């Protein structure tokens, strides 16, 4: 988008594999090498068992809508995008993440809890953001 003023993620050493995955069209999570729990947000130790043996893996990209808010207040760089849906999604692998929903009306009637979702990636500067949309039915 020409003149795009929206913020661009700045990877850190701990988050670089996540953002590299997003640029490659993959949702990457850490997984504990000891207890096998999936972990999100990126960190240095497993929150379930304390193990430092976290490895990166590609997630399914599927989730369920856990909670949401429809934002009507313009934020810097997003003035033309209101209203929009800010959501907490529960990934099929277990962790929850905060994201935005796209390709769905910002209307509670279109946003039942447990709605099945799939990840899509939006280019943003030299990065890509994982966003979620309702799962598309076969043939649609």
Protein backbone atom coordinates (compact mmCIF):
# COMPACT_ATOMS: atom_id res chain seq x y z
CA UNK A 1 0.00 0.00 0.00
CA UNK A 2 1.52 3.32 -1.06
CA UNK A 3 2.26 5.58 1.89
CA UNK A 4 1.41 2.81 4.36
CA UNK A 5 1.84 4.23 7.87
CA UNK A 6 0.82 1.10 9.77
CA UNK A 7 3.43 -0.24 12.20
CA UNK A 8 5.80 -2.97 10.99
CA UNK A 9 6.94 -5.72 13.39
CA UNK A 10 10.59 -5.57 14.40
CA UNK A 11 11.88 -9.10 15.09
CA UNK A 12 14.13 -9.75 18.05
CA UNK A 13 16.52 -12.69 18.27
CA UNK A 14 13.85 -14.61 20.22
CA UNK A 15 11.04 -13.86 17.74
CA UNK A 16 12.98 -14.01 14.43
CA UNK A 17 11.93 -17.64 13.63
CA UNK A 18 8.27 -16.68 14.14
CA UNK A 19 8.49 -13.67 11.80
CA UNK A 20 10.61 -15.56 9.23
CA UNK A 21 7.87 -18.19 9.20
CA UNK A 22 5.18 -15.58 8.67
CA UNK A 23 7.10 -14.16 5.69
CA UNK A 24 7.27 -17.73 4.31
CA UNK A 25 3.50 -18.22 4.81
CA UNK A 26 3.90 -20.51 7.83
CA UNK A 27 2.63 -20.11 11.37
CA UNK A 28 5.56 -21.25 13.51
CA UNK A 29 5.36 -22.11 17.19
CA UNK A 30 7.81 -23.43 19.70
CA UNK A 31 7.32 -26.95 21.04
CA UNK A 32 8.87 -28.32 24.19
CA UNK A 33 11.31 -31.17 23.65
CA UNK A 34 10.48 -32.59 27.09
CA UNK A 35 6.71 -32.30 27.65
CA UNK A 36 5.70 -31.75 23.96
CA UNK A 37 3.52 -28.70 24.77
CA UNK A 38 3.26 -26.04 22.08
CA UNK A 39 4.29 -22.57 23.22
CA UNK A 40 3.26 -19.09 22.13
CA UNK A 41 4.59 -16.33 22.53
CA UNK A 42 8.28 -17.11 21.75
CA UNK A 43 10.39 -17.50 24.90
CA UNK A 44 13.42 -19.24 26.35
CA UNK A 45 11.70 -21.85 28.50
CA UNK A 46 8.59 -24.00 28.55
CA UNK A 47 5.84 -22.47 30.72
CA UNK A 48 4.44 -25.96 31.42
CA UNK A 49 7.54 -27.80 32.67
CA UNK A 50 10.33 -25.21 32.73
CA UNK A 51 12.49 -27.01 30.17
CA UNK A 52 14.79 -24.87 28.03
CA UNK A 53 14.49 -27.40 25.17
CA UNK A 54 12.15 -25.48 22.88
CA UNK A 55 12.22 -26.21 19.16
CA UNK A 56 10.43 -24.44 16.31
CA UNK A 57 7.71 -26.28 14.43
CA UNK A 58 5.14 -25.33 11.78
CA UNK A 59 1.60 -25.21 13.17
CA UNK A 60 -1.53 -26.25 11.30
CA UNK A 61 -2.77 -22.66 11.02
CA UNK A 62 -6.19 -23.72 12.30
CA UNK A 63 -7.90 -22.20 15.33
CA UNK A 64 -11.18 -21.47 17.08
CA UNK A 65 -12.49 -18.05 18.05
CA UNK A 66 -12.18 -17.75 21.83
CA UNK A 67 -13.06 -14.07 22.39
CA UNK A 68 -13.16 -10.81 20.48
CA UNK A 69 -13.89 -7.11 20.53
CA UNK A 70 -15.05 -4.99 17.63
CA UNK A 71 -12.91 -1.86 17.65
CA UNK A 72 -14.55 1.36 16.44
CA UNK A 73 -11.85 3.78 17.60
CA UNK A 74 -9.25 4.75 14.99
CA UNK A 75 -5.65 4.10 16.00
CA UNK A 76 -2.62 5.82 14.45
CA UNK A 77 -2.06 4.29 11.03
CA UNK A 78 -5.41 2.47 11.08
CA UNK A 79 -7.87 5.36 10.71
CA UNK A 80 -9.35 3.99 7.46
CA UNK A 81 -9.85 0.48 8.83
CA UNK A 82 -12.47 0.86 11.58
CA UNK A 83 -14.41 -1.05 12.60
CA UNK A 84 -12.20 -4.13 12.85
CA UNK A 85 -12.13 -7.30 14.93
CA UNK A 86 -9.44 -7.90 17.54
CA UNK A 87 -9.60 -11.55 18.58
CA UNK A 88 -8.17 -14.13 20.90
CA UNK A 89 -7.91 -17.39 18.99
CA UNK A 90 -7.10 -20.80 20.40
CA UNK A 91 -4.79 -22.62 18.03
CA UNK A 92 -5.50 -26.30 17.38
CA UNK A 93 -2.09 -26.95 18.96
CA UNK A 94 -3.28 -25.38 22.23
CA UNK A 95 -1.81 -21.90 22.73
CA UNK A 96 -3.90 -18.77 22.41
CA UNK A 97 -2.86 -15.68 20.52
CA UNK A 98 -4.17 -12.17 19.99
CA UNK A 99 -4.73 -11.34 16.33
CA UNK A 100 -7.15 -9.66 13.96
CA UNK A 101 -9.93 -11.34 12.02
CA UNK A 102 -10.31 -10.57 8.34
CA UNK A 103 -12.78 -11.51 5.59
CA UNK A 104 -15.66 -11.53 8.06
CA UNK A 105 -18.08 -8.71 8.90
CA UNK A 106 -17.37 -6.90 12.18
CA UNK A 107 -20.78 -7.99 13.45
CA UNK A 108 -21.46 -10.25 16.46
CA UNK A 109 -23.91 -12.29 14.35
CA UNK A 110 -20.98 -13.31 12.11
CA UNK A 111 -18.67 -14.08 15.05
CA UNK A 112 -19.98 -17.00 17.09
CA UNK A 113 -17.56 -18.25 19.71
CA UNK A 114 -15.76 -21.44 18.60
CA UNK A 115 -15.98 -20.28 14.97
CA UNK A 116 -13.41 -22.32 13.01
CA UNK A 117 -10.60 -20.14 11.66
CA UNK A 118 -7.56 -20.43 9.44
CA UNK A 119 -4.44 -18.30 9.23
CA UNK A 120 -3.77 -15.90 6.36
CA UNK A 121 -0.75 -13.63 6.04
CA UNK A 122 -0.83 -9.91 5.29
CA UNK A 123 2.34 -8.26 3.97
CA UNK A 124 3.43 -5.39 6.20
CA UNK A 125 6.60 -3.58 5.19
CA UNK A 126 9.31 -6.23 4.94
CA UNK A 127 7.35 -8.56 7.25
CA UNK A 128 4.04 -10.42 7.18
CA UNK A 129 1.36 -10.58 9.87
CA UNK A 130 -0.58 -13.74 10.70
CA UNK A 131 -4.28 -12.89 10.70
CA UNK A 132 -7.24 -15.26 10.82
CA UNK A 133 -10.37 -15.69 8.74
CA UNK A 134 -13.29 -18.12 8.90
CA UNK A 135 -12.41 -21.51 7.39
CA UNK A 136 -13.55 -21.56 3.80
CA UNK A 137 -15.77 -24.46 2.90
CA UNK A 138 -14.63 -26.69 0.05
CA UNK A 139 -15.69 -25.21 -3.28
CA UNK A 140 -16.21 -21.67 -1.97
